[in-house]
Amino acid sequence: MLADLSHEVCGLNHGPGAPDHPALDYLVCPVGYRDGEVSAKAVRELIIPVCLPCSQALTGDDWTLLYCFECGASRWVARSRAKNSYRHHVLWLRGCPDCTKTFGGLYFND
């Protein structure tokens, strides 16, 4: 996949009016599993191109990314300013204020 990065831009939120940032890597999240198989395999993978600053934020301890499965919206939460105590780098949401009024769940992976 890395060979395809030459034309990719970051798929995460950089704020209103921010220019496109060239992608450096991918954030990959396995989605869905088939029951009853000997080894669980993801039904598909969610692949999001990320730039260098986002990649560094995802591996540091200052930020948590909230990413909606439904619409692809993303928001960064500064852990030091948050009301909640976040310990995961990415929280995957099923529904968000941008796409639905129904919260369908919260998922994380380490």
C-alpha atoms as a PDB file:
ATOM      1  CA  MET A   1       0.000   0.000   0.000  1.00  0.00           C
ATOM      2  CA  LEU A   2       2.829   2.441   0.721  1.00  0.00           C
ATOM      3  CA  ALA A   3       3.660   2.699  -2.986  1.00  0.00           C
ATOM      4  CA  ASP A   4       0.270   4.383  -3.536  1.00  0.00           C
ATOM      5  CA  LEU A   5       0.963   7.268  -1.146  1.00  0.00           C
ATOM      6  CA  SER A   6       2.387   9.636  -3.754  1.00  0.00           C
ATOM      7  CA  HIS A   7      -1.083  10.962  -4.656  1.00  0.00           C
ATOM      8  CA  GLU A   8      -2.769  10.605  -1.247  1.00  0.00           C
ATOM      9  CA  VAL A   9      -3.593  13.374   1.218  1.00  0.00           C
ATOM     10  CA  CYS A  10      -4.344  13.008   4.923  1.00  0.00           C
ATOM     11  CA  GLY A  11      -7.883  11.836   5.606  1.00  0.00           C
ATOM     12  CA  LEU A  12      -8.061  13.313   9.123  1.00  0.00           C
ATOM     13  CA  ASN A  13      -9.372  16.665  10.341  1.00  0.00           C
ATOM     14  CA  HIS A  14      -6.834  19.518  10.418  1.00  0.00           C
ATOM     15  CA  GLY A  15      -9.337  22.268  11.215  1.00  0.00           C
ATOM     16  CA  PRO A  16     -11.457  24.554   9.066  1.00  0.00           C
ATOM     17  CA  GLY A  17      -9.733  25.968   5.985  1.00  0.00           C
ATOM     18  CA  ALA A  18      -6.559  23.932   6.492  1.00  0.00           C
ATOM     19  CA  PRO A  19      -4.687  22.991   3.321  1.00  0.00           C
ATOM     20  CA  ASP A  20      -4.293  19.360   2.271  1.00  0.00           C
ATOM     21  CA  HIS A  21      -1.394  17.567   3.926  1.00  0.00           C
ATOM     22  CA  PRO A  22       0.468  14.894   1.931  1.00  0.00           C
ATOM     23  CA  ALA A  23       0.023  11.397   3.372  1.00  0.00           C
ATOM     24  CA  LEU A  24       2.999   9.582   4.840  1.00  0.00           C
ATOM     25  CA  ASP A  25       1.385   6.377   6.100  1.00  0.00           C
ATOM     26  CA  TYR A  26      -1.961   4.628   6.594  1.00  0.00           C
ATOM     27  CA  LEU A  27      -4.099   4.052   9.663  1.00  0.00           C
ATOM     28  CA  VAL A  28      -5.720   0.619   9.257  1.00  0.00           C
ATOM     29  CA  CYS A  29      -8.591  -0.726  11.335  1.00  0.00           C
ATOM     30  CA  PRO A  30      -9.995  -4.233  10.798  1.00  0.00           C
ATOM     31  CA  VAL A  31     -13.808  -4.083  10.679  1.00  0.00           C
ATOM     32  CA  GLY A  32     -16.191  -6.967  11.367  1.00  0.00           C
ATOM     33  CA  TYR A  33     -15.373 -10.608  11.960  1.00  0.00           C
ATOM     34  CA  ARG A  34     -16.878 -13.853  10.766  1.00  0.00           C
ATOM     35  CA  ASP A  35     -18.052 -16.142  13.545  1.00  0.00           C
ATOM     36  CA  GLY A  36     -17.363 -19.851  13.533  1.00  0.00           C
ATOM     37  CA  GLU A  37     -14.036 -19.754  11.704  1.00  0.00           C
ATOM     38  CA  VAL A  38     -10.922 -21.309  13.206  1.00  0.00           C
ATOM     39  CA  SER A  39      -9.067 -18.001  13.040  1.00  0.00           C
ATOM     40  CA  ALA A  40     -11.045 -14.773  13.113  1.00  0.00           C
ATOM     41  CA  LYS A  41     -10.524 -12.724   9.964  1.00  0.00           C
ATOM     42  CA  ALA A  42     -11.658  -9.179   9.371  1.00  0.00           C
ATOM     43  CA  VAL A  43     -14.476  -8.843   6.852  1.00  0.00           C
ATOM     44  CA  ARG A  44     -12.837  -5.658   5.563  1.00  0.00           C
ATOM     45  CA  GLU A  45     -10.319  -3.019   6.582  1.00  0.00           C
ATOM     46  CA  LEU A  46     -10.906   0.691   7.020  1.00  0.00           C
ATOM     47  CA  ILE A  47      -7.831   2.393   5.512  1.00  0.00           C
ATOM     48  CA  ILE A  48      -7.187   6.085   6.215  1.00  0.00           C
ATOM     49  CA  PRO A  49      -4.169   7.949   4.814  1.00  0.00           C
ATOM     50  CA  VAL A  50      -2.385  10.067   7.467  1.00  0.00           C
ATOM     51  CA  CYS A  51       0.247  12.819   7.302  1.00  0.00           C
ATOM     52  CA  LEU A  52       3.370  13.143   9.472  1.00  0.00           C
ATOM     53  CA  PRO A  53       1.837  15.434  12.154  1.00  0.00           C
ATOM     54  CA  CYS A  54      -1.206  13.155  12.509  1.00  0.00           C
ATOM     55  CA  SER A  55       1.001  10.074  12.619  1.00  0.00           C
ATOM     56  CA  GLN A  56       3.034  11.639  15.430  1.00  0.00           C
ATOM     57  CA  ALA A  57      -0.144  12.630  17.307  1.00  0.00           C
ATOM     58  CA  LEU A  58      -1.469   9.063  16.994  1.00  0.00           C
ATOM     59  CA  THR A  59       1.646   7.624  18.622  1.00  0.00           C
ATOM     60  CA  GLY A  60       2.078  10.300  21.307  1.00  0.00           C
ATOM     61  CA  ASP A  61       0.280  10.717  24.621  1.00  0.00           C
ATOM     62  CA  ASP A  62      -1.142  14.224  24.111  1.00  0.00           C
ATOM     63  CA  TRP A  63      -4.038  13.521  21.721  1.00  0.00           C
ATOM     64  CA  THR A  64      -6.878  11.035  21.163  1.00  0.00           C
ATOM     65  CA  LEU A  65      -8.543  10.746  17.766  1.00  0.00           C
ATOM     66  CA  LEU A  66     -12.330  10.271  17.595  1.00  0.00           C
ATOM     67  CA  TYR A  67     -13.219   8.735  14.206  1.00  0.00           C
ATOM     68  CA  CYS A  68     -16.762   7.984  12.999  1.00  0.00           C
ATOM     69  CA  PHE A  69     -17.261   4.745  11.030  1.00  0.00           C
ATOM     70  CA  GLU A  70     -20.515   6.059   9.552  1.00  0.00           C
ATOM     71  CA  CYS A  71     -19.421   9.321   7.903  1.00  0.00           C
ATOM     72  CA  GLY A  72     -15.623   9.438   8.214  1.00  0.00           C
ATOM     73  CA  ALA A  73     -15.613  12.558  10.395  1.00  0.00           C
ATOM     74  CA  SER A  74     -12.681  12.914  12.761  1.00  0.00           C
ATOM     75  CA  ARG A  75     -11.967  15.091  15.789  1.00  0.00           C
ATOM     76  CA  TRP A  76      -8.867  15.443  17.932  1.00  0.00           C
ATOM     77  CA  VAL A  77      -9.201  15.636  21.722  1.00  0.00           C
ATOM     78  CA  ALA A  78      -6.379  17.169  23.771  1.00  0.00           C
ATOM     79  CA  ARG A  79      -6.103  14.759  26.696  1.00  0.00           C
ATOM     80  CA  SER A  80      -4.866  17.474  29.072  1.00  0.00           C
ATOM     81  CA  ARG A  81      -8.010  19.593  28.478  1.00  0.00           C
ATOM     82  CA  ALA A  82     -10.599  16.803  28.267  1.00  0.00           C
ATOM     83  CA  LYS A  83     -13.224  16.204  30.947  1.00  0.00           C
ATOM     84  CA  ASN A  84     -12.792  12.450  30.469  1.00  0.00           C
ATOM     85  CA  SER A  85      -9.573  10.539  31.042  1.00  0.00           C
ATOM     86  CA  TYR A  86      -8.576   9.175  27.622  1.00  0.00           C
ATOM     87  CA  ARG A  87      -5.957   6.441  27.454  1.00  0.00           C
ATOM     88  CA  HIS A  88      -6.432   5.183  23.881  1.00  0.00           C
ATOM     89  CA  HIS A  89      -4.957   6.781  20.794  1.00  0.00           C
ATOM     90  CA  VAL A  90      -8.047   6.172  18.621  1.00  0.00           C
ATOM     91  CA  LEU A  91     -11.691   5.813  19.601  1.00  0.00           C
ATOM     92  CA  TRP A  92     -13.865   4.491  16.776  1.00  0.00           C
ATOM     93  CA  LEU A  93     -17.451   5.754  16.891  1.00  0.00           C
ATOM     94  CA  ARG A  94     -20.584   4.252  15.362  1.00  0.00           C
ATOM     95  CA  GLY A  95     -22.435   7.508  14.686  1.00  0.00           C
ATOM     96  CA  CYS A  96     -21.476  11.077  15.603  1.00  0.00           C
ATOM     97  CA  PRO A  97     -23.093  14.560  15.786  1.00  0.00           C
ATOM     98  CA  ASP A  98     -22.187  15.138  12.104  1.00  0.00           C
ATOM     99  CA  CYS A  99     -24.139  12.220  10.656  1.00  0.00           C
ATOM    100  CA  THR A 100     -26.730  10.944  13.111  1.00  0.00           C
ATOM    101  CA  LYS A 101     -28.375  11.711  16.405  1.00  0.00           C
ATOM    102  CA  THR A 102     -28.107   8.042  17.429  1.00  0.00           C
ATOM    103  CA  PHE A 103     -24.980   6.841  19.210  1.00  0.00           C
ATOM    104  CA  GLY A 104     -24.328   3.277  18.090  1.00  0.00           C
ATOM    105  CA  GLY A 105     -21.270   2.396  20.100  1.00  0.00           C
ATOM    106  CA  LEU A 106     -17.658   3.089  20.920  1.00  0.00           C
ATOM    107  CA  TYR A 107     -14.788   0.830  19.911  1.00  0.00           C
ATOM    108  CA  PHE A 108     -11.059   0.932  20.533  1.00  0.00           C
ATOM    109  CA  ASN A 109      -8.000  -1.099  19.722  1.00  0.00           C
ATOM    110  CA  ASP A 110      -4.512  -0.877  21.172  1.00  0.00           C
END
